N, C-alpha and C. Protein backbone atom coordinates (compact mmCIF):
# COMPACT_ATOMS: atom_id res chain seq x y z
N MET A 1 0.84 -1.19 0.00
CA MET A 1 0.00 0.00 0.00
C MET A 1 0.88 1.24 0.00
N LEU A 2 1.99 1.22 0.74
CA LEU A 2 2.88 2.37 0.78
C LEU A 2 3.41 2.67 -0.62
N ALA A 3 3.74 1.62 -1.36
CA ALA A 3 4.22 1.83 -2.73
C ALA A 3 3.15 2.52 -3.56
N LYS A 4 1.91 2.17 -3.35
CA LYS A 4 0.80 2.78 -4.08
C LYS A 4 0.72 4.26 -3.79
N VAL A 5 0.82 4.62 -2.54
CA VAL A 5 0.73 6.03 -2.14
C VAL A 5 1.91 6.82 -2.68
N LEU A 6 3.10 6.25 -2.60
CA LEU A 6 4.28 6.95 -3.10
C LEU A 6 4.21 7.14 -4.61
N LEU A 7 3.75 6.12 -5.32
CA LEU A 7 3.61 6.25 -6.77
C LEU A 7 2.61 7.34 -7.11
N SER A 8 1.51 7.38 -6.39
CA SER A 8 0.51 8.42 -6.63
C SER A 8 1.09 9.80 -6.37
N ALA A 9 1.85 9.94 -5.31
CA ALA A 9 2.46 11.24 -4.99
C ALA A 9 3.44 11.67 -6.08
N LEU A 10 4.23 10.72 -6.57
CA LEU A 10 5.17 11.04 -7.65
C LEU A 10 4.43 11.48 -8.90
N ALA A 11 3.34 10.79 -9.21
CA ALA A 11 2.57 11.14 -10.40
C ALA A 11 1.99 12.54 -10.28
N CYS A 12 1.53 12.89 -9.11
CA CYS A 12 0.95 14.22 -8.90
C CYS A 12 2.00 15.31 -9.03
N CYS A 13 3.23 14.99 -8.71
CA CYS A 13 4.31 15.98 -8.78
C CYS A 13 4.88 16.10 -10.19
N GLY A 14 4.42 15.28 -11.10
CA GLY A 14 4.94 15.33 -12.46
C GLY A 14 6.21 14.51 -12.63
N CYS A 15 6.59 13.75 -11.60
CA CYS A 15 7.81 12.95 -11.67
C CYS A 15 7.57 11.62 -12.38
N GLY A 16 6.33 11.24 -12.57
CA GLY A 16 6.00 9.98 -13.23
C GLY A 16 4.79 10.20 -14.11
N THR A 17 4.59 9.28 -15.02
CA THR A 17 3.45 9.39 -15.91
C THR A 17 2.49 8.26 -15.59
N THR A 18 1.26 8.60 -15.28
CA THR A 18 0.25 7.59 -15.00
C THR A 18 -0.30 7.05 -16.30
N THR A 19 -0.96 5.92 -16.22
CA THR A 19 -1.61 5.35 -17.39
C THR A 19 -2.65 6.32 -17.94
N THR A 20 -3.40 6.97 -17.05
CA THR A 20 -4.41 7.92 -17.48
C THR A 20 -3.78 9.05 -18.29
N ALA A 21 -2.67 9.61 -17.81
CA ALA A 21 -2.00 10.70 -18.53
C ALA A 21 -1.32 10.20 -19.80
N ARG A 22 -0.63 9.07 -19.70
CA ARG A 22 0.12 8.52 -20.84
C ARG A 22 -0.79 8.22 -22.02
N ARG A 23 -2.00 7.72 -21.72
CA ARG A 23 -2.94 7.35 -22.78
C ARG A 23 -3.97 8.45 -23.05
N ASN A 24 -3.81 9.60 -22.38
CA ASN A 24 -4.71 10.74 -22.55
C ASN A 24 -6.18 10.32 -22.38
N LEU A 25 -6.45 9.62 -21.27
CA LEU A 25 -7.79 9.10 -21.00
C LEU A 25 -8.61 10.11 -20.20
N PRO A 26 -9.91 10.05 -20.33
CA PRO A 26 -10.76 10.92 -19.51
C PRO A 26 -10.69 10.49 -18.05
N PRO A 27 -11.14 11.34 -17.12
CA PRO A 27 -11.13 10.94 -15.71
C PRO A 27 -11.89 9.63 -15.50
N LEU A 28 -11.39 8.81 -14.60
CA LEU A 28 -12.00 7.53 -14.30
C LEU A 28 -13.34 7.74 -13.60
N GLU A 29 -14.35 7.02 -14.03
CA GLU A 29 -15.66 7.11 -13.41
C GLU A 29 -15.88 5.93 -12.47
N THR A 30 -16.57 6.20 -11.38
CA THR A 30 -16.94 5.15 -10.44
C THR A 30 -18.36 4.71 -10.72
N VAL A 31 -18.82 3.72 -9.96
CA VAL A 31 -20.22 3.34 -10.04
C VAL A 31 -21.05 4.47 -9.43
N PRO A 32 -22.33 4.57 -9.80
CA PRO A 32 -23.14 5.69 -9.31
C PRO A 32 -23.41 5.67 -7.81
N ARG A 33 -23.50 4.49 -7.20
CA ARG A 33 -23.84 4.42 -5.78
C ARG A 33 -23.42 3.08 -5.20
N VAL A 34 -22.90 3.11 -3.97
CA VAL A 34 -22.53 1.91 -3.24
C VAL A 34 -23.22 1.94 -1.88
N GLU A 35 -23.94 0.88 -1.57
CA GLU A 35 -24.52 0.72 -0.24
C GLU A 35 -23.47 0.00 0.61
N LEU A 36 -22.83 0.75 1.48
CA LEU A 36 -21.70 0.20 2.24
C LEU A 36 -22.08 -1.02 3.06
N ASN A 37 -23.28 -1.04 3.62
CA ASN A 37 -23.68 -2.19 4.43
C ASN A 37 -23.79 -3.46 3.58
N ARG A 38 -23.99 -3.33 2.27
CA ARG A 38 -23.99 -4.48 1.36
C ARG A 38 -22.59 -4.79 0.84
N TYR A 39 -21.74 -3.79 0.79
CA TYR A 39 -20.39 -3.98 0.24
C TYR A 39 -19.47 -4.67 1.25
N VAL A 40 -19.64 -4.39 2.53
CA VAL A 40 -18.75 -4.99 3.52
C VAL A 40 -18.90 -6.50 3.53
N GLY A 41 -17.94 -7.16 4.12
CA GLY A 41 -17.92 -8.62 4.17
C GLY A 41 -16.66 -9.14 3.50
N GLU A 42 -16.70 -10.40 3.13
CA GLU A 42 -15.54 -11.10 2.57
C GLU A 42 -15.52 -10.98 1.04
N TRP A 43 -14.34 -10.67 0.49
CA TRP A 43 -14.11 -10.60 -0.95
C TRP A 43 -12.86 -11.41 -1.29
N TYR A 44 -12.90 -12.13 -2.40
CA TYR A 44 -11.75 -12.87 -2.91
C TYR A 44 -11.20 -12.14 -4.13
N GLU A 45 -9.89 -12.05 -4.21
CA GLU A 45 -9.25 -11.43 -5.36
C GLU A 45 -9.22 -12.45 -6.50
N ILE A 46 -9.84 -12.11 -7.61
CA ILE A 46 -9.88 -12.97 -8.79
C ILE A 46 -8.72 -12.66 -9.72
N ALA A 47 -8.41 -11.38 -9.87
CA ALA A 47 -7.30 -10.95 -10.72
C ALA A 47 -6.91 -9.54 -10.27
N ALA A 48 -5.67 -9.16 -10.59
CA ALA A 48 -5.19 -7.84 -10.21
C ALA A 48 -3.97 -7.48 -11.04
N TYR A 49 -3.68 -6.18 -11.09
CA TYR A 49 -2.38 -5.76 -11.60
C TYR A 49 -1.35 -6.13 -10.54
N PRO A 50 -0.27 -6.80 -10.90
CA PRO A 50 0.75 -7.15 -9.92
C PRO A 50 1.33 -5.89 -9.24
N GLN A 51 1.46 -5.97 -7.92
CA GLN A 51 2.02 -4.88 -7.12
C GLN A 51 3.09 -5.44 -6.20
N LYS A 52 4.11 -4.64 -5.92
CA LYS A 52 5.20 -5.09 -5.06
C LYS A 52 4.71 -5.51 -3.68
N PHE A 53 3.72 -4.78 -3.15
CA PHE A 53 3.26 -5.09 -1.80
C PHE A 53 2.43 -6.38 -1.75
N GLN A 54 2.14 -6.99 -2.91
CA GLN A 54 1.43 -8.26 -2.95
C GLN A 54 2.30 -9.37 -3.55
N ARG A 55 3.58 -9.12 -3.68
CA ARG A 55 4.48 -10.08 -4.32
C ARG A 55 4.39 -11.44 -3.61
N GLY A 56 4.20 -12.50 -4.41
CA GLY A 56 4.16 -13.86 -3.89
C GLY A 56 2.83 -14.28 -3.30
N CYS A 57 1.83 -13.40 -3.31
CA CYS A 57 0.55 -13.71 -2.68
C CYS A 57 -0.31 -14.64 -3.54
N THR A 58 -0.90 -15.61 -2.89
CA THR A 58 -1.93 -16.47 -3.48
C THR A 58 -3.09 -16.50 -2.49
N GLY A 59 -4.25 -16.93 -2.95
CA GLY A 59 -5.39 -17.03 -2.04
C GLY A 59 -5.75 -15.70 -1.39
N THR A 60 -5.54 -14.60 -2.10
CA THR A 60 -5.74 -13.26 -1.53
C THR A 60 -7.22 -12.98 -1.32
N ARG A 61 -7.52 -12.45 -0.14
CA ARG A 61 -8.89 -12.06 0.18
C ARG A 61 -8.87 -10.87 1.13
N ALA A 62 -10.01 -10.19 1.19
CA ALA A 62 -10.14 -9.02 2.06
C ALA A 62 -11.46 -9.11 2.81
N ARG A 63 -11.45 -8.64 4.04
CA ARG A 63 -12.68 -8.55 4.83
C ARG A 63 -12.84 -7.10 5.25
N TYR A 64 -14.01 -6.55 4.94
CA TYR A 64 -14.35 -5.17 5.29
C TYR A 64 -15.46 -5.21 6.34
N SER A 65 -15.30 -4.36 7.36
CA SER A 65 -16.29 -4.27 8.44
C SER A 65 -16.56 -2.81 8.74
N LEU A 66 -17.86 -2.46 8.81
CA LEU A 66 -18.23 -1.08 9.16
C LEU A 66 -17.87 -0.79 10.61
N ARG A 67 -17.37 0.40 10.84
CA ARG A 67 -17.04 0.87 12.18
C ARG A 67 -18.14 1.83 12.65
N SER A 68 -18.24 2.04 13.92
CA SER A 68 -19.27 2.94 14.46
C SER A 68 -19.03 4.39 14.05
N ASP A 69 -17.79 4.75 13.70
CA ASP A 69 -17.49 6.12 13.29
C ASP A 69 -17.69 6.37 11.80
N GLY A 70 -18.19 5.35 11.08
CA GLY A 70 -18.44 5.50 9.65
C GLY A 70 -17.30 5.02 8.78
N ASP A 71 -16.12 4.81 9.34
CA ASP A 71 -15.01 4.26 8.58
C ASP A 71 -15.18 2.75 8.46
N ILE A 72 -14.24 2.11 7.77
CA ILE A 72 -14.31 0.67 7.51
C ILE A 72 -12.99 0.04 7.93
N ASP A 73 -13.07 -1.01 8.74
CA ASP A 73 -11.87 -1.80 9.04
C ASP A 73 -11.60 -2.70 7.86
N VAL A 74 -10.32 -2.82 7.51
CA VAL A 74 -9.89 -3.63 6.37
C VAL A 74 -8.88 -4.65 6.87
N VAL A 75 -9.11 -5.91 6.56
CA VAL A 75 -8.13 -6.96 6.86
C VAL A 75 -7.88 -7.72 5.57
N ASN A 76 -6.66 -7.59 5.03
CA ASN A 76 -6.25 -8.32 3.83
C ASN A 76 -5.42 -9.52 4.25
N ARG A 77 -5.67 -10.65 3.60
CA ARG A 77 -4.92 -11.87 3.89
C ARG A 77 -4.49 -12.52 2.58
N CYS A 78 -3.34 -13.15 2.61
CA CYS A 78 -2.92 -13.97 1.49
C CYS A 78 -1.98 -15.04 2.01
N ARG A 79 -1.70 -16.01 1.17
CA ARG A 79 -0.72 -17.05 1.46
C ARG A 79 0.48 -16.81 0.56
N ILE A 80 1.66 -16.90 1.12
CA ILE A 80 2.88 -16.62 0.36
C ILE A 80 3.34 -17.88 -0.38
N GLY A 81 3.48 -17.73 -1.70
CA GLY A 81 4.03 -18.80 -2.54
C GLY A 81 3.02 -19.82 -3.02
N THR A 82 2.32 -20.45 -2.08
CA THR A 82 1.33 -21.47 -2.41
C THR A 82 0.11 -21.27 -1.53
N LEU A 83 -0.95 -21.98 -1.85
CA LEU A 83 -2.16 -21.88 -1.05
C LEU A 83 -1.97 -22.43 0.37
N GLU A 84 -0.90 -23.19 0.57
CA GLU A 84 -0.59 -23.71 1.91
C GLU A 84 0.54 -22.91 2.58
N GLY A 85 1.03 -21.89 1.91
CA GLY A 85 2.15 -21.11 2.44
C GLY A 85 1.78 -20.30 3.67
N LYS A 86 2.78 -19.63 4.20
CA LYS A 86 2.60 -18.81 5.39
C LYS A 86 1.60 -17.69 5.11
N GLU A 87 0.73 -17.45 6.07
CA GLU A 87 -0.28 -16.41 5.89
C GLU A 87 0.33 -15.03 6.19
N LYS A 88 0.02 -14.09 5.32
CA LYS A 88 0.42 -12.69 5.49
C LYS A 88 -0.87 -11.90 5.72
N VAL A 89 -0.89 -11.08 6.77
CA VAL A 89 -2.08 -10.30 7.12
C VAL A 89 -1.70 -8.83 7.20
N ALA A 90 -2.53 -8.00 6.60
CA ALA A 90 -2.35 -6.54 6.67
C ALA A 90 -3.67 -5.94 7.15
N GLN A 91 -3.59 -5.15 8.22
CA GLN A 91 -4.79 -4.50 8.76
C GLN A 91 -4.73 -3.02 8.46
N GLY A 92 -5.86 -2.50 8.01
CA GLY A 92 -5.92 -1.09 7.66
C GLY A 92 -7.29 -0.51 7.94
N ARG A 93 -7.47 0.65 7.38
CA ARG A 93 -8.72 1.38 7.58
C ARG A 93 -9.06 2.10 6.29
N ALA A 94 -10.35 2.16 5.99
CA ALA A 94 -10.82 2.89 4.81
C ALA A 94 -11.78 3.98 5.27
N ARG A 95 -11.80 5.06 4.50
CA ARG A 95 -12.74 6.13 4.79
C ARG A 95 -13.36 6.58 3.47
N VAL A 96 -14.64 6.91 3.53
CA VAL A 96 -15.36 7.37 2.34
C VAL A 96 -15.00 8.83 2.12
N VAL A 97 -14.62 9.18 0.90
CA VAL A 97 -14.30 10.58 0.59
C VAL A 97 -15.37 11.23 -0.29
N ASP A 98 -16.28 10.42 -0.81
CA ASP A 98 -17.40 10.95 -1.59
C ASP A 98 -18.68 10.35 -1.04
N ARG A 99 -19.32 11.05 -0.11
CA ARG A 99 -20.54 10.56 0.55
C ARG A 99 -21.75 10.54 -0.37
N THR A 100 -21.68 11.23 -1.51
CA THR A 100 -22.79 11.21 -2.46
C THR A 100 -22.95 9.83 -3.08
N THR A 101 -21.81 9.20 -3.43
CA THR A 101 -21.85 7.89 -4.08
C THR A 101 -21.35 6.75 -3.18
N ASN A 102 -20.52 7.04 -2.22
CA ASN A 102 -19.80 6.04 -1.40
C ASN A 102 -18.88 5.18 -2.25
N ALA A 103 -18.60 5.58 -3.48
CA ALA A 103 -17.78 4.78 -4.39
C ALA A 103 -16.32 5.20 -4.38
N LYS A 104 -16.01 6.35 -3.81
CA LYS A 104 -14.62 6.81 -3.71
C LYS A 104 -14.21 6.75 -2.25
N LEU A 105 -13.24 5.88 -2.00
CA LEU A 105 -12.72 5.72 -0.65
C LEU A 105 -11.21 5.92 -0.68
N GLU A 106 -10.66 6.06 0.48
CA GLU A 106 -9.21 6.04 0.67
C GLU A 106 -8.92 4.95 1.69
N VAL A 107 -7.81 4.24 1.47
CA VAL A 107 -7.40 3.17 2.36
C VAL A 107 -6.02 3.46 2.88
N SER A 108 -5.81 3.15 4.16
CA SER A 108 -4.49 3.33 4.76
C SER A 108 -4.10 2.08 5.53
N PHE A 109 -2.91 1.61 5.24
CA PHE A 109 -2.31 0.54 6.03
C PHE A 109 -1.12 1.10 6.82
N PHE A 110 -0.68 2.29 6.45
CA PHE A 110 0.46 2.96 7.10
C PHE A 110 0.11 4.42 7.28
N ARG A 111 -0.70 4.74 8.28
CA ARG A 111 -1.05 6.14 8.50
C ARG A 111 0.21 6.93 8.78
N PRO A 112 0.31 8.09 8.24
CA PRO A 112 -0.72 8.97 7.71
C PRO A 112 -0.91 8.87 6.20
N PHE A 113 -0.41 7.82 5.56
CA PHE A 113 -0.50 7.69 4.10
C PHE A 113 -1.81 7.02 3.71
N TRP A 114 -2.52 7.63 2.77
CA TRP A 114 -3.79 7.13 2.28
C TRP A 114 -3.72 6.96 0.77
N GLY A 115 -4.33 5.90 0.25
CA GLY A 115 -4.37 5.65 -1.19
C GLY A 115 -5.81 5.55 -1.67
N ASP A 116 -6.05 6.02 -2.89
CA ASP A 116 -7.39 5.97 -3.46
C ASP A 116 -7.84 4.53 -3.70
N TYR A 117 -9.09 4.28 -3.39
CA TYR A 117 -9.75 2.99 -3.58
C TYR A 117 -11.11 3.32 -4.17
N TRP A 118 -11.23 3.22 -5.50
CA TRP A 118 -12.45 3.61 -6.19
C TRP A 118 -13.16 2.37 -6.71
N ILE A 119 -14.44 2.26 -6.40
CA ILE A 119 -15.24 1.14 -6.87
C ILE A 119 -15.75 1.52 -8.26
N ILE A 120 -15.22 0.84 -9.28
CA ILE A 120 -15.49 1.23 -10.66
C ILE A 120 -16.42 0.26 -11.39
N ALA A 121 -16.70 -0.87 -10.79
CA ALA A 121 -17.69 -1.81 -11.32
C ALA A 121 -18.26 -2.56 -10.12
N LEU A 122 -19.57 -2.81 -10.16
CA LEU A 122 -20.21 -3.48 -9.03
C LEU A 122 -21.46 -4.20 -9.52
N ASP A 123 -21.53 -5.47 -9.24
CA ASP A 123 -22.70 -6.28 -9.57
C ASP A 123 -23.91 -5.78 -8.78
N ALA A 124 -25.09 -5.82 -9.40
CA ALA A 124 -26.31 -5.36 -8.75
C ALA A 124 -26.59 -6.11 -7.45
N ASP A 125 -26.13 -7.36 -7.38
CA ASP A 125 -26.32 -8.16 -6.17
C ASP A 125 -25.07 -8.19 -5.28
N TYR A 126 -24.10 -7.34 -5.59
CA TYR A 126 -22.87 -7.23 -4.80
C TYR A 126 -22.11 -8.56 -4.74
N GLN A 127 -22.11 -9.30 -5.85
CA GLN A 127 -21.39 -10.57 -5.92
C GLN A 127 -20.01 -10.43 -6.54
N TYR A 128 -19.77 -9.35 -7.28
CA TYR A 128 -18.43 -9.07 -7.79
C TYR A 128 -18.26 -7.57 -7.91
N ALA A 129 -17.00 -7.16 -7.94
CA ALA A 129 -16.67 -5.73 -8.03
C ALA A 129 -15.31 -5.58 -8.69
N ALA A 130 -15.05 -4.38 -9.17
CA ALA A 130 -13.71 -4.01 -9.63
C ALA A 130 -13.34 -2.73 -8.91
N VAL A 131 -12.12 -2.70 -8.41
CA VAL A 131 -11.61 -1.55 -7.67
C VAL A 131 -10.40 -1.02 -8.40
N GLY A 132 -10.37 0.29 -8.58
CA GLY A 132 -9.26 0.90 -9.29
C GLY A 132 -8.79 2.17 -8.62
N HIS A 133 -7.98 2.88 -9.34
CA HIS A 133 -7.33 4.11 -8.89
C HIS A 133 -7.45 5.10 -10.04
N PRO A 134 -7.62 6.40 -9.75
CA PRO A 134 -7.78 7.37 -10.84
C PRO A 134 -6.63 7.36 -11.86
N SER A 135 -5.46 6.88 -11.46
CA SER A 135 -4.32 6.80 -12.38
C SER A 135 -4.46 5.64 -13.37
N ARG A 136 -5.34 4.69 -13.06
CA ARG A 136 -5.51 3.44 -13.79
C ARG A 136 -4.27 2.56 -13.71
N ASP A 137 -3.43 2.78 -12.72
CA ASP A 137 -2.24 1.97 -12.52
C ASP A 137 -2.45 0.86 -11.49
N TYR A 138 -3.64 0.78 -10.94
CA TYR A 138 -4.01 -0.24 -9.95
C TYR A 138 -5.37 -0.77 -10.33
N LEU A 139 -5.54 -2.09 -10.21
CA LEU A 139 -6.81 -2.71 -10.54
C LEU A 139 -6.92 -4.04 -9.81
N TRP A 140 -8.07 -4.25 -9.19
CA TRP A 140 -8.39 -5.51 -8.54
C TRP A 140 -9.79 -5.93 -8.97
N ILE A 141 -9.94 -7.19 -9.33
CA ILE A 141 -11.26 -7.78 -9.59
C ILE A 141 -11.56 -8.68 -8.39
N LEU A 142 -12.71 -8.43 -7.77
CA LEU A 142 -13.09 -9.11 -6.54
C LEU A 142 -14.39 -9.88 -6.73
N SER A 143 -14.53 -10.96 -5.95
CA SER A 143 -15.74 -11.78 -6.00
C SER A 143 -16.05 -12.26 -4.59
N ARG A 144 -17.31 -12.51 -4.33
CA ARG A 144 -17.71 -13.07 -3.04
C ARG A 144 -17.32 -14.53 -2.91
N THR A 145 -16.99 -15.17 -4.02
CA THR A 145 -16.57 -16.58 -4.02
C THR A 145 -15.16 -16.66 -4.58
N PRO A 146 -14.43 -17.73 -4.29
CA PRO A 146 -13.05 -17.85 -4.76
C PRO A 146 -12.90 -17.98 -6.27
N THR A 147 -13.99 -18.26 -6.96
CA THR A 147 -13.93 -18.37 -8.42
C THR A 147 -15.03 -17.51 -9.03
N MET A 148 -14.85 -17.20 -10.31
CA MET A 148 -15.84 -16.42 -11.05
C MET A 148 -16.07 -17.14 -12.37
N ASP A 149 -17.33 -17.27 -12.77
CA ASP A 149 -17.59 -17.97 -14.03
C ASP A 149 -17.01 -17.16 -15.19
N ALA A 150 -16.65 -17.88 -16.24
CA ALA A 150 -15.94 -17.28 -17.37
C ALA A 150 -16.74 -16.17 -18.05
N ALA A 151 -18.04 -16.35 -18.21
CA ALA A 151 -18.85 -15.34 -18.90
C ALA A 151 -18.88 -14.02 -18.11
N THR A 152 -19.01 -14.12 -16.80
CA THR A 152 -19.01 -12.91 -15.96
C THR A 152 -17.65 -12.23 -16.02
N TYR A 153 -16.59 -13.02 -15.94
CA TYR A 153 -15.24 -12.48 -15.99
C TYR A 153 -14.99 -11.76 -17.32
N GLU A 154 -15.37 -12.38 -18.42
CA GLU A 154 -15.16 -11.78 -19.74
C GLU A 154 -15.97 -10.49 -19.90
N ALA A 155 -17.21 -10.49 -19.41
CA ALA A 155 -18.04 -9.28 -19.48
C ALA A 155 -17.41 -8.15 -18.66
N LEU A 156 -16.88 -8.48 -17.49
CA LEU A 156 -16.22 -7.49 -16.65
C LEU A 156 -14.95 -6.97 -17.31
N LEU A 157 -14.19 -7.85 -17.95
CA LEU A 157 -12.99 -7.41 -18.68
C LEU A 157 -13.36 -6.44 -19.79
N SER A 158 -14.44 -6.72 -20.48
CA SER A 158 -14.89 -5.83 -21.55
C SER A 158 -15.23 -4.44 -20.99
N GLU A 159 -15.93 -4.42 -19.85
CA GLU A 159 -16.27 -3.16 -19.20
C GLU A 159 -15.02 -2.39 -18.76
N LEU A 160 -14.05 -3.11 -18.20
CA LEU A 160 -12.82 -2.45 -17.74
C LEU A 160 -11.98 -1.96 -18.91
N GLY A 161 -11.95 -2.71 -20.00
CA GLY A 161 -11.25 -2.26 -21.20
C GLY A 161 -11.85 -0.97 -21.73
N ALA A 162 -13.18 -0.88 -21.70
CA ALA A 162 -13.87 0.33 -22.17
C ALA A 162 -13.56 1.52 -21.26
N LYS A 163 -13.18 1.25 -20.02
CA LYS A 163 -12.82 2.32 -19.07
C LYS A 163 -11.35 2.73 -19.22
N GLY A 164 -10.64 2.09 -20.14
CA GLY A 164 -9.25 2.47 -20.38
C GLY A 164 -8.21 1.63 -19.67
N TYR A 165 -8.62 0.53 -19.04
CA TYR A 165 -7.64 -0.33 -18.36
C TYR A 165 -6.94 -1.23 -19.36
N GLU A 166 -5.65 -1.42 -19.17
CA GLU A 166 -4.84 -2.29 -20.02
C GLU A 166 -4.99 -3.72 -19.50
N LEU A 167 -5.78 -4.51 -20.21
CA LEU A 167 -6.15 -5.84 -19.72
C LEU A 167 -4.99 -6.82 -19.75
N ASP A 168 -4.01 -6.58 -20.60
CA ASP A 168 -2.86 -7.49 -20.66
C ASP A 168 -2.00 -7.42 -19.40
N ARG A 169 -2.21 -6.42 -18.57
CA ARG A 169 -1.46 -6.29 -17.30
C ARG A 169 -2.08 -7.12 -16.18
N LEU A 170 -3.32 -7.57 -16.35
CA LEU A 170 -4.01 -8.34 -15.31
C LEU A 170 -3.39 -9.72 -15.13
N LYS A 171 -3.27 -10.12 -13.89
CA LYS A 171 -2.81 -11.47 -13.57
C LYS A 171 -3.87 -12.12 -12.69
N GLN A 172 -4.32 -13.30 -13.10
CA GLN A 172 -5.31 -14.00 -12.29
C GLN A 172 -4.68 -14.51 -11.01
N THR A 173 -5.46 -14.48 -9.94
CA THR A 173 -4.99 -14.86 -8.61
C THR A 173 -5.39 -16.31 -8.32
N LEU A 174 -4.42 -17.10 -7.92
CA LEU A 174 -4.69 -18.49 -7.53
C LEU A 174 -5.52 -18.47 -6.25
N GLN A 175 -6.64 -19.17 -6.29
CA GLN A 175 -7.53 -19.28 -5.13
C GLN A 175 -7.83 -20.75 -4.89
N PRO A 176 -8.18 -21.10 -3.65
CA PRO A 176 -8.59 -22.49 -3.41
C PRO A 176 -9.91 -22.75 -4.14
N PRO A 177 -10.17 -24.00 -4.49
CA PRO A 177 -11.45 -24.28 -5.15
C PRO A 177 -12.61 -23.95 -4.22
N ALA A 178 -13.71 -23.55 -4.83
CA ALA A 178 -14.91 -23.25 -4.03
C ALA A 178 -15.39 -24.53 -3.37
N PRO A 179 -15.86 -24.44 -2.12
CA PRO A 179 -16.36 -25.64 -1.46
C PRO A 179 -17.58 -26.20 -2.20
N ARG A 180 -17.65 -27.51 -2.25
CA ARG A 180 -18.78 -28.15 -2.90
C ARG A 180 -19.96 -28.19 -1.95
N ALA A 181 -21.14 -28.06 -2.53
CA ALA A 181 -22.37 -28.17 -1.73
C ALA A 181 -22.50 -29.61 -1.23
N ALA A 182 -22.94 -29.75 0.00
CA ALA A 182 -23.13 -31.06 0.57
C ALA A 182 -24.27 -31.79 -0.16
N SER A 183 -24.07 -33.04 -0.40
CA SER A 183 -25.09 -33.84 -1.08
C SER A 183 -26.15 -34.28 -0.08
N LEU A 184 -27.39 -34.23 -0.50
CA LEU A 184 -28.47 -34.70 0.34
C LEU A 184 -28.68 -36.21 0.23
N ASP A 185 -28.08 -36.81 -0.78
CA ASP A 185 -28.22 -38.25 -1.00
C ASP A 185 -27.14 -38.97 -0.20
N PRO A 186 -27.51 -39.74 0.83
CA PRO A 186 -26.51 -40.39 1.68
C PRO A 186 -25.80 -41.56 1.00
N THR A 187 -26.22 -41.98 -0.19
CA THR A 187 -25.59 -43.14 -0.83
C THR A 187 -24.45 -42.77 -1.69
């Protein structure tokens, strides 16, 4: 997360070129509205742009919980190297910066540094989402389950491509298989 904040600061100072500036893209748009009480809970990372602070992570997931002060507790977890590897946990906090939509947040794992967390795609039933950054240099595809069906994934990729994201930079995240439903037939 610190790398994300530092990169954003460099871009703002003109020391780096963001994807948005390099490709002369319009400002990134978020979803029109997010109901935070529906958004919180467990999310699995399906794919993301590789970031140094997530190097070696597999089985990546995040849990968001509403706080009494209106902020959100964030707990990110992953396994290093393999799905059985050592667990890495990062605890942070998110705050809404656009109360009209609740789609623009900032997240901090190392206060006082905050990074943009914009919800740019969201399923009507809150079963999948895409989170990005106004620079378009960060992207995460999230799902309530460890896997996402191919048709949904492809439709989401099409939507993200139309928003100016470079899809060839996405790397799918290894997740454990989804648990099978218990059979009612005892035989």
